Structures are given as structure tokens and as C-alpha cells.
Amino acid sequence: MNGYEKIVNIDLEIHKVANASDWERYDAALPIISLRLFQKNLGAWGGRETYLGESVDGFIKTNYWFVLESCVEKAKEQIEGIIKNFNLGNFTRLIVGDAVPSENDFKKELEDAESLEWVWVRD
């Protein structure tokens, strides 16, 4: 065990009932969520996935962020505030995963990062 803080995956899924305006607001909220998590050293954007085929519950795409285990509640609160501000609650779902060990010192990487660009250029 390396002793690094565990990482939690937080997903924001969008449902197939979302219309074009809903998608526009969803897409506009994503960089704001990423910026807020980055500014507060809580986490970083992880990626976007489109589900193959039709999901049983109708959710078709997700964006996800990697968050430090110690910051999950604060990150969730930040994301929920943005969901409310962008009126996304009727067609999105926020899912918080289980904490998993990290092979990297993600906390130090967040603290040392000088710009949000780091989120998109990580190896």
C-alpha cells in the first residue's frame, strides 16, 4: 500500500428525455463543474462516455470526475449547486462511486497544478 489518498468517481448522467435546450445547459455546466472542483483542489474531470445501446433506465451519456475521498461531500455539494443553477435536475442523475486506491499522489497533483489545462493533458 502506497498511502496515497483514495479516489472517488462522481458521474453526472443525462437521460434520453433531455431536449436540445437541456443538452445545451448540460454541456455548459460541465466546464463550470470542472473549474469549481479544480479551484477548490477537490478533483478533476475524468472523461465522457456514451453508453452503447439503450440503458435499462434511459440514461445515455455520462461525464465523470475523479475526486479525493476526503473531499467527496464538498465536491458533491458543489456539483449539486451547479445542477440546481442550470436547472438540470429533471433529466440528470448524480452517482458517487466507491473509493478506490490510487497509484499516484492525486492530492499533490491537484495542489501543484497551475492551470485547468492540466486536467485535459494528464497522461
C-alpha atoms as a PDB file:
ATOM      1  CA  MET A   1       0.000   0.000   0.000  1.00  0.00           C
ATOM      2  CA  ASN A   2       1.418   3.361  -1.040  1.00  0.00           C
ATOM      3  CA  GLY A   3      -0.506   5.551   1.411  1.00  0.00           C
ATOM      4  CA  TYR A   4      -1.946   7.922  -1.178  1.00  0.00           C
ATOM      5  CA  GLU A   5      -5.462   9.184  -0.631  1.00  0.00           C
ATOM      6  CA  LYS A   6      -8.170   7.143  -2.332  1.00  0.00           C
ATOM      7  CA  ILE A   7     -10.068   8.477  -5.335  1.00  0.00           C
ATOM      8  CA  VAL A   8     -13.842   8.508  -5.835  1.00  0.00           C
ATOM      9  CA  ASN A   9     -15.566   8.659  -9.208  1.00  0.00           C
ATOM     10  CA  ILE A  10     -18.530  11.066  -9.447  1.00  0.00           C
ATOM     11  CA  ASP A  11     -20.737  10.702 -12.530  1.00  0.00           C
ATOM     12  CA  LEU A  12     -23.297  13.128 -13.921  1.00  0.00           C
ATOM     13  CA  GLU A  13     -25.545  11.189 -16.280  1.00  0.00           C
ATOM     14  CA  ILE A  14     -28.053  12.628 -18.732  1.00  0.00           C
ATOM     15  CA  HIS A  15     -31.325  10.931 -19.680  1.00  0.00           C
ATOM     16  CA  LYS A  16     -32.655  10.349 -23.190  1.00  0.00           C
ATOM     17  CA  VAL A  17     -35.683  12.582 -22.455  1.00  0.00           C
ATOM     18  CA  ALA A  18     -33.413  15.655 -22.469  1.00  0.00           C
ATOM     19  CA  ASN A  19     -34.223  18.043 -25.314  1.00  0.00           C
ATOM     20  CA  ALA A  20     -31.778  20.278 -27.226  1.00  0.00           C
ATOM     21  CA  SER A  21     -32.041  23.074 -24.659  1.00  0.00           C
ATOM     22  CA  ASP A  22     -31.414  20.591 -21.827  1.00  0.00           C
ATOM     23  CA  TRP A  23     -28.324  19.260 -23.626  1.00  0.00           C
ATOM     24  CA  GLU A  24     -27.045  22.790 -24.129  1.00  0.00           C
ATOM     25  CA  ARG A  25     -27.343  23.537 -20.408  1.00  0.00           C
ATOM     26  CA  TYR A  26     -25.802  20.166 -19.511  1.00  0.00           C
ATOM     27  CA  ASP A  27     -22.826  20.783 -21.794  1.00  0.00           C
ATOM     28  CA  ALA A  28     -22.437  24.350 -20.484  1.00  0.00           C
ATOM     29  CA  ALA A  29     -22.368  23.131 -16.880  1.00  0.00           C
ATOM     30  CA  LEU A  30     -19.535  20.638 -17.429  1.00  0.00           C
ATOM     31  CA  PRO A  31     -16.602  23.086 -17.632  1.00  0.00           C
ATOM     32  CA  ILE A  32     -18.029  25.052 -14.708  1.00  0.00           C
ATOM     33  CA  ILE A  33     -18.127  21.898 -12.585  1.00  0.00           C
ATOM     34  CA  SER A  34     -14.563  21.088 -13.643  1.00  0.00           C
ATOM     35  CA  LEU A  35     -13.366  24.613 -12.866  1.00  0.00           C
ATOM     36  CA  ARG A  36     -15.050  24.680  -9.453  1.00  0.00           C
ATOM     37  CA  LEU A  37     -13.543  21.319  -8.442  1.00  0.00           C
ATOM     38  CA  PHE A  38     -10.125  22.388  -9.716  1.00  0.00           C
ATOM     39  CA  GLN A  39     -10.172  25.785  -7.991  1.00  0.00           C
ATOM     40  CA  LYS A  40     -11.013  24.181  -4.665  1.00  0.00           C
ATOM     41  CA  ASN A  41      -8.467  21.325  -5.100  1.00  0.00           C
ATOM     42  CA  LEU A  42     -11.276  18.772  -4.805  1.00  0.00           C
ATOM     43  CA  GLY A  43     -10.878  16.833  -8.040  1.00  0.00           C
ATOM     44  CA  ALA A  44     -10.551  16.866 -11.809  1.00  0.00           C
ATOM     45  CA  TRP A  45     -12.590  15.980 -14.875  1.00  0.00           C
ATOM     46  CA  GLY A  46     -12.051  12.354 -15.833  1.00  0.00           C
ATOM     47  CA  GLY A  47     -13.867  11.920 -19.130  1.00  0.00           C
ATOM     48  CA  ARG A  48     -17.091  11.390 -21.022  1.00  0.00           C
ATOM     49  CA  GLU A  49     -18.740   8.134 -22.013  1.00  0.00           C
ATOM     50  CA  THR A  50     -21.634   7.419 -24.347  1.00  0.00           C
ATOM     51  CA  TYR A  51     -23.439   4.225 -23.432  1.00  0.00           C
ATOM     52  CA  LEU A  52     -23.544   1.504 -26.046  1.00  0.00           C
ATOM     53  CA  GLY A  53     -27.099   0.501 -26.747  1.00  0.00           C
ATOM     54  CA  GLU A  54     -30.061   1.556 -24.655  1.00  0.00           C
ATOM     55  CA  SER A  55     -29.666   1.502 -20.899  1.00  0.00           C
ATOM     56  CA  VAL A  56     -32.450  -0.035 -18.849  1.00  0.00           C
ATOM     57  CA  ASP A  57     -33.162   3.224 -17.042  1.00  0.00           C
ATOM     58  CA  GLY A  58     -32.797   5.539 -20.069  1.00  0.00           C
ATOM     59  CA  PHE A  59     -29.544   7.326 -19.230  1.00  0.00           C
ATOM     60  CA  ILE A  60     -27.416   7.655 -22.354  1.00  0.00           C
ATOM     61  CA  LYS A  61     -24.268   9.611 -21.553  1.00  0.00           C
ATOM     62  CA  THR A  62     -22.143  10.454 -18.542  1.00  0.00           C
ATOM     63  CA  ASN A  63     -19.349  12.802 -17.645  1.00  0.00           C
ATOM     64  CA  TYR A  64     -17.242  11.931 -14.661  1.00  0.00           C
ATOM     65  CA  TRP A  65     -14.780  13.500 -12.288  1.00  0.00           C
ATOM     66  CA  PHE A  66     -12.125  11.994 -10.033  1.00  0.00           C
ATOM     67  CA  VAL A  67     -12.402  13.414  -6.521  1.00  0.00           C
ATOM     68  CA  LEU A  68     -10.291  12.918  -3.418  1.00  0.00           C
ATOM     69  CA  GLU A  69     -12.048  10.699  -0.884  1.00  0.00           C
ATOM     70  CA  SER A  70     -11.751  13.362   1.818  1.00  0.00           C
ATOM     71  CA  CYS A  71     -13.480  15.881  -0.477  1.00  0.00           C
ATOM     72  CA  VAL A  72     -16.443  13.845  -1.724  1.00  0.00           C
ATOM     73  CA  GLU A  73     -19.140  15.621   0.281  1.00  0.00           C
ATOM     74  CA  LYS A  74     -17.826  19.072  -0.593  1.00  0.00           C
ATOM     75  CA  ALA A  75     -17.488  18.126  -4.291  1.00  0.00           C
ATOM     76  CA  LYS A  76     -20.990  16.653  -4.325  1.00  0.00           C
ATOM     77  CA  GLU A  77     -22.340  19.849  -2.756  1.00  0.00           C
ATOM     78  CA  GLN A  78     -20.589  21.953  -5.425  1.00  0.00           C
ATOM     79  CA  ILE A  79     -21.934  19.810  -8.270  1.00  0.00           C
ATOM     80  CA  GLU A  80     -25.466  19.744  -6.843  1.00  0.00           C
ATOM     81  CA  GLY A  81     -25.407  23.552  -6.653  1.00  0.00           C
ATOM     82  CA  ILE A  82     -24.466  23.773 -10.328  1.00  0.00           C
ATOM     83  CA  ILE A  83     -27.148  21.221 -11.251  1.00  0.00           C
ATOM     84  CA  LYS A  84     -29.676  23.431  -9.465  1.00  0.00           C
ATOM     85  CA  ASN A  85     -28.377  26.668 -11.049  1.00  0.00           C
ATOM     86  CA  PHE A  86     -28.536  25.168 -14.548  1.00  0.00           C
ATOM     87  CA  ASN A  87     -31.930  23.547 -13.905  1.00  0.00           C
ATOM     88  CA  LEU A  88     -30.611  20.074 -14.742  1.00  0.00           C
ATOM     89  CA  GLY A  89     -32.368  18.110 -12.012  1.00  0.00           C
ATOM     90  CA  ASN A  90     -35.235  16.694 -14.068  1.00  0.00           C
ATOM     91  CA  PHE A  91     -33.101  14.775 -16.563  1.00  0.00           C
ATOM     92  CA  THR A  92     -29.744  14.106 -14.889  1.00  0.00           C
ATOM     93  CA  ARG A  93     -28.538  11.748 -12.190  1.00  0.00           C
ATOM     94  CA  LEU A  94     -25.523  12.189  -9.929  1.00  0.00           C
ATOM     95  CA  ILE A  95     -23.787   8.982  -8.878  1.00  0.00           C
ATOM     96  CA  VAL A  96     -20.989   8.777  -6.320  1.00  0.00           C
ATOM     97  CA  GLY A  97     -18.829   5.677  -6.633  1.00  0.00           C
ATOM     98  CA  ASP A  98     -16.805   3.791  -4.056  1.00  0.00           C
ATOM     99  CA  ALA A  99     -13.342   4.941  -3.029  1.00  0.00           C
ATOM    100  CA  VAL A 100     -10.542   3.120  -4.836  1.00  0.00           C
ATOM    101  CA  PRO A 101      -6.806   3.131  -4.123  1.00  0.00           C
ATOM    102  CA  SER A 102      -4.656   5.399  -6.262  1.00  0.00           C
ATOM    103  CA  GLU A 103      -1.181   4.623  -7.544  1.00  0.00           C
ATOM    104  CA  ASN A 104      -0.453   8.356  -7.801  1.00  0.00           C
ATOM    105  CA  ASP A 105      -0.441  11.210  -5.321  1.00  0.00           C
ATOM    106  CA  PHE A 106      -3.522  12.822  -6.844  1.00  0.00           C
ATOM    107  CA  LYS A 107      -3.800  15.268  -3.939  1.00  0.00           C
ATOM    108  CA  LYS A 108      -0.306  16.631  -4.601  1.00  0.00           C
ATOM    109  CA  GLU A 109      -1.008  16.796  -8.341  1.00  0.00           C
ATOM    110  CA  LEU A 110      -4.115  18.905  -7.667  1.00  0.00           C
ATOM    111  CA  GLU A 111      -2.253  21.216  -5.303  1.00  0.00           C
ATOM    112  CA  ASP A 112       0.684  21.649  -7.718  1.00  0.00           C
ATOM    113  CA  ALA A 113      -1.396  22.197 -10.858  1.00  0.00           C
ATOM    114  CA  GLU A 114      -1.077  25.753 -12.118  1.00  0.00           C
ATOM    115  CA  SER A 115      -3.915  25.803 -14.633  1.00  0.00           C
ATOM    116  CA  LEU A 116      -7.095  23.978 -15.502  1.00  0.00           C
ATOM    117  CA  GLU A 117      -5.385  22.845 -18.712  1.00  0.00           C
ATOM    118  CA  TRP A 118      -3.642  20.213 -16.573  1.00  0.00           C
ATOM    119  CA  VAL A 119      -6.957  18.370 -16.293  1.00  0.00           C
ATOM    120  CA  TRP A 120      -7.113  17.707 -20.041  1.00  0.00           C
ATOM    121  CA  VAL A 121      -3.433  16.951 -20.685  1.00  0.00           C
ATOM    122  CA  ARG A 122      -2.742  14.405 -17.945  1.00  0.00           C
ATOM    123  CA  ASP A 123      -1.216  11.113 -19.040  1.00  0.00           C
END
